[in-house]
Amino acid sequence: MSKAVEVEDLYFTYLGSRRPSLRGVSFTLDEGETLLIVGPSGAGKST
């Protein structure tokens, strides 16, 4: 299968924040694969 999405060393910081919410996130999705993001309510999953 070929890569559909590849993310390497992703960081994200909310405007006005000093610390990144995401630090060094890396993943690859191949064609036909699904990524599920889980966590408690208010954890920022929809961001």
PDB file of N, CA and C in Angstrom:
ATOM      1  N   MET A   1       0.839  -1.194   0.000  1.00  0.00           N
ATOM      2  CA  MET A   1       0.000   0.000   0.000  1.00  0.00           C
ATOM      3  C   MET A   1       0.878   1.250   0.000  1.00  0.00           C
ATOM      4  N   SER A   2       0.360   2.315  -0.551  1.00  0.00           N
ATOM      5  CA  SER A   2       1.119   3.561  -0.569  1.00  0.00           C
ATOM      6  C   SER A   2       0.677   4.470   0.576  1.00  0.00           C
ATOM      7  N   LYS A   3       1.575   5.350   0.970  1.00  0.00           N
ATOM      8  CA  LYS A   3       1.283   6.288   2.050  1.00  0.00           C
ATOM      9  C   LYS A   3       0.262   7.316   1.587  1.00  0.00           C
ATOM     10  N   ALA A   4      -0.760   7.533   2.400  1.00  0.00           N
ATOM     11  CA  ALA A   4      -1.764   8.549   2.097  1.00  0.00           C
ATOM     12  C   ALA A   4      -1.464   9.825   2.873  1.00  0.00           C
ATOM     13  N   VAL A   5      -0.986   9.663   4.118  1.00  0.00           N
ATOM     14  CA  VAL A   5      -0.664  10.802   4.983  1.00  0.00           C
ATOM     15  C   VAL A   5       0.570  10.437   5.794  1.00  0.00           C
ATOM     16  N   GLU A   6       1.518  11.362   5.872  1.00  0.00           N
ATOM     17  CA  GLU A   6       2.686  11.160   6.724  1.00  0.00           C
ATOM     18  C   GLU A   6       2.955  12.451   7.489  1.00  0.00           C
ATOM     19  N   VAL A   7       3.026  12.346   8.798  1.00  0.00           N
ATOM     20  CA  VAL A   7       3.297  13.491   9.668  1.00  0.00           C
ATOM     21  C   VAL A   7       4.541  13.149  10.480  1.00  0.00           C
ATOM     22  N   GLU A   8       5.495  14.080  10.512  1.00  0.00           N
ATOM     23  CA  GLU A   8       6.725  13.849  11.263  1.00  0.00           C
ATOM     24  C   GLU A   8       7.018  15.027  12.179  1.00  0.00           C
ATOM     25  N   ASP A   9       7.213  14.739  13.456  1.00  0.00           N
ATOM     26  CA  ASP A   9       7.659  15.709  14.451  1.00  0.00           C
ATOM     27  C   ASP A   9       6.756  16.948  14.516  1.00  0.00           C
ATOM     28  N   LEU A  10       5.456  16.735  14.602  1.00  0.00           N
ATOM     29  CA  LEU A  10       4.468  17.813  14.639  1.00  0.00           C
ATOM     30  C   LEU A  10       4.386  18.423  16.034  1.00  0.00           C
ATOM     31  N   TYR A  11       4.413  19.731  16.086  1.00  0.00           N
ATOM     32  CA  TYR A  11       4.212  20.491  17.326  1.00  0.00           C
ATOM     33  C   TYR A  11       3.057  21.450  17.099  1.00  0.00           C
ATOM     34  N   PHE A  12       2.252  21.702  18.129  1.00  0.00           N
ATOM     35  CA  PHE A  12       1.163  22.670  18.039  1.00  0.00           C
ATOM     36  C   PHE A  12       1.074  23.425  19.351  1.00  0.00           C
ATOM     37  N   THR A  13       1.004  24.759  19.258  1.00  0.00           N
ATOM     38  CA  THR A  13       0.855  25.611  20.437  1.00  0.00           C
ATOM     39  C   THR A  13      -0.346  26.522  20.229  1.00  0.00           C
ATOM     40  N   TYR A  14      -1.257  26.538  21.192  1.00  0.00           N
ATOM     41  CA  TYR A  14      -2.404  27.436  21.129  1.00  0.00           C
ATOM     42  C   TYR A  14      -1.938  28.881  21.226  1.00  0.00           C
ATOM     43  N   LEU A  15      -2.623  29.771  20.525  1.00  0.00           N
ATOM     44  CA  LEU A  15      -2.337  31.196  20.578  1.00  0.00           C
ATOM     45  C   LEU A  15      -2.419  31.667  22.026  1.00  0.00           C
ATOM     46  N   GLY A  16      -1.403  32.348  22.487  1.00  0.00           N
ATOM     47  CA  GLY A  16      -1.375  32.847  23.852  1.00  0.00           C
ATOM     48  C   GLY A  16      -0.760  31.887  24.854  1.00  0.00           C
ATOM     49  N   SER A  17      -0.442  30.681  24.414  1.00  0.00           N
ATOM     50  CA  SER A  17       0.169  29.693  25.304  1.00  0.00           C
ATOM     51  C   SER A  17       1.676  29.674  25.093  1.00  0.00           C
ATOM     52  N   ARG A  18       2.397  29.312  26.116  1.00  0.00           N
ATOM     53  CA  ARG A  18       3.856  29.222  26.000  1.00  0.00           C
ATOM     54  C   ARG A  18       4.330  27.793  25.751  1.00  0.00           C
ATOM     55  N   ARG A  19       3.496  26.826  26.111  1.00  0.00           N
ATOM     56  CA  ARG A  19       3.882  25.426  25.966  1.00  0.00           C
ATOM     57  C   ARG A  19       3.080  24.758  24.857  1.00  0.00           C
ATOM     58  N   PRO A  20       3.730  23.951  24.027  1.00  0.00           N
ATOM     59  CA  PRO A  20       2.988  23.245  22.981  1.00  0.00           C
ATOM     60  C   PRO A  20       2.046  22.193  23.564  1.00  0.00           C
ATOM     61  N   SER A  21       0.882  22.065  22.952  1.00  0.00           N
ATOM     62  CA  SER A  21      -0.078  21.031  23.340  1.00  0.00           C
ATOM     63  C   SER A  21       0.287  19.696  22.709  1.00  0.00           C
ATOM     64  N   LEU A  22       0.836  19.753  21.511  1.00  0.00           N
ATOM     65  CA  LEU A  22       1.344  18.558  20.837  1.00  0.00           C
ATOM     66  C   LEU A  22       2.853  18.701  20.723  1.00  0.00           C
ATOM     67  N   ARG A  23       3.565  17.637  21.021  1.00  0.00           N
ATOM     68  CA  ARG A  23       5.030  17.675  20.992  1.00  0.00           C
ATOM     69  C   ARG A  23       5.575  16.443  20.284  1.00  0.00           C
ATOM     70  N   GLY A  24       6.181  16.642  19.143  1.00  0.00           N
ATOM     71  CA  GLY A  24       6.869  15.557  18.457  1.00  0.00           C
ATOM     72  C   GLY A  24       5.989  14.423  17.962  1.00  0.00           C
ATOM     73  N   VAL A  25       4.770  14.728  17.557  1.00  0.00           N
ATOM     74  CA  VAL A  25       3.839  13.696  17.072  1.00  0.00           C
ATOM     75  C   VAL A  25       4.235  13.268  15.656  1.00  0.00           C
ATOM     76  N   SER A  26       4.351  11.970  15.457  1.00  0.00           N
ATOM     77  CA  SER A  26       4.672  11.415  14.138  1.00  0.00           C
ATOM     78  C   SER A  26       3.786  10.202  13.870  1.00  0.00           C
ATOM     79  N   PHE A  27       3.297  10.093  12.642  1.00  0.00           N
ATOM     80  CA  PHE A  27       2.533   8.907  12.244  1.00  0.00           C
ATOM     81  C   PHE A  27       2.428   8.850  10.731  1.00  0.00           C
ATOM     82  N   THR A  28       2.129   7.659  10.233  1.00  0.00           N
ATOM     83  CA  THR A  28       1.896   7.436   8.809  1.00  0.00           C
ATOM     84  C   THR A  28       0.597   6.659   8.660  1.00  0.00           C
ATOM     85  N   LEU A  29      -0.238   7.102   7.738  1.00  0.00           N
ATOM     86  CA  LEU A  29      -1.460   6.372   7.396  1.00  0.00           C
ATOM     87  C   LEU A  29      -1.328   5.893   5.959  1.00  0.00           C
ATOM     88  N   ASP A  30      -1.515   4.607   5.774  1.00  0.00           N
ATOM     89  CA  ASP A  30      -1.532   4.052   4.428  1.00  0.00           C
ATOM     90  C   ASP A  30      -2.951   4.122   3.880  1.00  0.00           C
ATOM     91  N   GLU A  31      -3.072   3.966   2.570  1.00  0.00           N
ATOM     92  CA  GLU A  31      -4.399   3.956   1.953  1.00  0.00           C
ATOM     93  C   GLU A  31      -5.280   2.934   2.650  1.00  0.00           C
ATOM     94  N   GLY A  32      -6.514   3.326   2.953  1.00  0.00           N
ATOM     95  CA  GLY A  32      -7.471   2.421   3.568  1.00  0.00           C
ATOM     96  C   GLY A  32      -7.390   2.350   5.085  1.00  0.00           C
ATOM     97  N   GLU A  33      -6.376   2.955   5.690  1.00  0.00           N
ATOM     98  CA  GLU A  33      -6.267   2.951   7.146  1.00  0.00           C
ATOM     99  C   GLU A  33      -7.047   4.114   7.743  1.00  0.00           C
ATOM    100  N   THR A  34      -7.418   3.965   9.001  1.00  0.00           N
ATOM    101  CA  THR A  34      -8.172   4.977   9.726  1.00  0.00           C
ATOM    102  C   THR A  34      -7.423   5.334  10.999  1.00  0.00           C
ATOM    103  N   LEU A  35      -7.426   6.599  11.353  1.00  0.00           N
ATOM    104  CA  LEU A  35      -6.805   7.065  12.590  1.00  0.00           C
ATOM    105  C   LEU A  35      -7.899   7.437  13.574  1.00  0.00           C
ATOM    106  N   LEU A  36      -7.826   6.900  14.773  1.00  0.00           N
ATOM    107  CA  LEU A  36      -8.794   7.190  15.820  1.00  0.00           C
ATOM    108  C   LEU A  36      -8.085   7.952  16.925  1.00  0.00           C
ATOM    109  N   ILE A  37      -8.623   9.097  17.293  1.00  0.00           N
ATOM    110  CA  ILE A  37      -8.067   9.904  18.376  1.00  0.00           C
ATOM    111  C   ILE A  37      -9.017   9.805  19.557  1.00  0.00           C
ATOM    112  N   VAL A  38      -8.518   9.310  20.680  1.00  0.00           N
ATOM    113  CA  VAL A  38      -9.344   9.115  21.869  1.00  0.00           C
ATOM    114  C   VAL A  38      -8.744   9.867  23.048  1.00  0.00           C
ATOM    115  N   GLY A  39      -9.597  10.221  23.988  1.00  0.00           N
ATOM    116  CA  GLY A  39      -9.148  10.895  25.198  1.00  0.00           C
ATOM    117  C   GLY A  39     -10.341  11.409  25.969  1.00  0.00           C
ATOM    118  N   PRO A  40     -10.084  11.904  27.169  1.00  0.00           N
ATOM    119  CA  PRO A  40     -11.179  12.399  27.998  1.00  0.00           C
ATOM    120  C   PRO A  40     -11.801  13.671  27.427  1.00  0.00           C
ATOM    121  N   SER A  41     -13.000  13.961  27.868  1.00  0.00           N
ATOM    122  CA  SER A  41     -13.692  15.175  27.458  1.00  0.00           C
ATOM    123  C   SER A  41     -12.857  16.395  27.837  1.00  0.00           C
ATOM    124  N   GLY A  42     -12.737  17.341  26.902  1.00  0.00           N
ATOM    125  CA  GLY A  42     -11.982  18.563  27.161  1.00  0.00           C
ATOM    126  C   GLY A  42     -10.489  18.441  26.916  1.00  0.00           C
ATOM    127  N   ALA A  43     -10.052  17.312  26.364  1.00  0.00           N
ATOM    128  CA  ALA A  43      -8.618  17.086  26.147  1.00  0.00           C
ATOM    129  C   ALA A  43      -8.095  17.731  24.866  1.00  0.00           C
ATOM    130  N   GLY A  44      -8.985  18.240  24.000  1.00  0.00           N
ATOM    131  CA  GLY A  44      -8.550  18.900  22.772  1.00  0.00           C
ATOM    132  C   GLY A  44      -8.542  18.017  21.543  1.00  0.00           C
ATOM    133  N   LYS A  45      -9.298  16.943  21.553  1.00  0.00           N
ATOM    134  CA  LYS A  45      -9.319  16.017  20.416  1.00  0.00           C
ATOM    135  C   LYS A  45      -9.791  16.675  19.128  1.00  0.00           C
ATOM    136  N   SER A  46     -10.735  17.572  19.209  1.00  0.00           N
ATOM    137  CA  SER A  46     -11.273  18.177  17.985  1.00  0.00           C
ATOM    138  C   SER A  46     -10.371  19.283  17.446  1.00  0.00           C
ATOM    139  N   THR A  47      -9.392  19.700  18.201  1.00  0.00           N
ATOM    140  CA  THR A  47      -8.450  20.719  17.733  1.00  0.00           C
ATOM    141  C   THR A  47      -7.594  20.136  16.648  1.00  0.00           C
TER     142      THR A  47
END
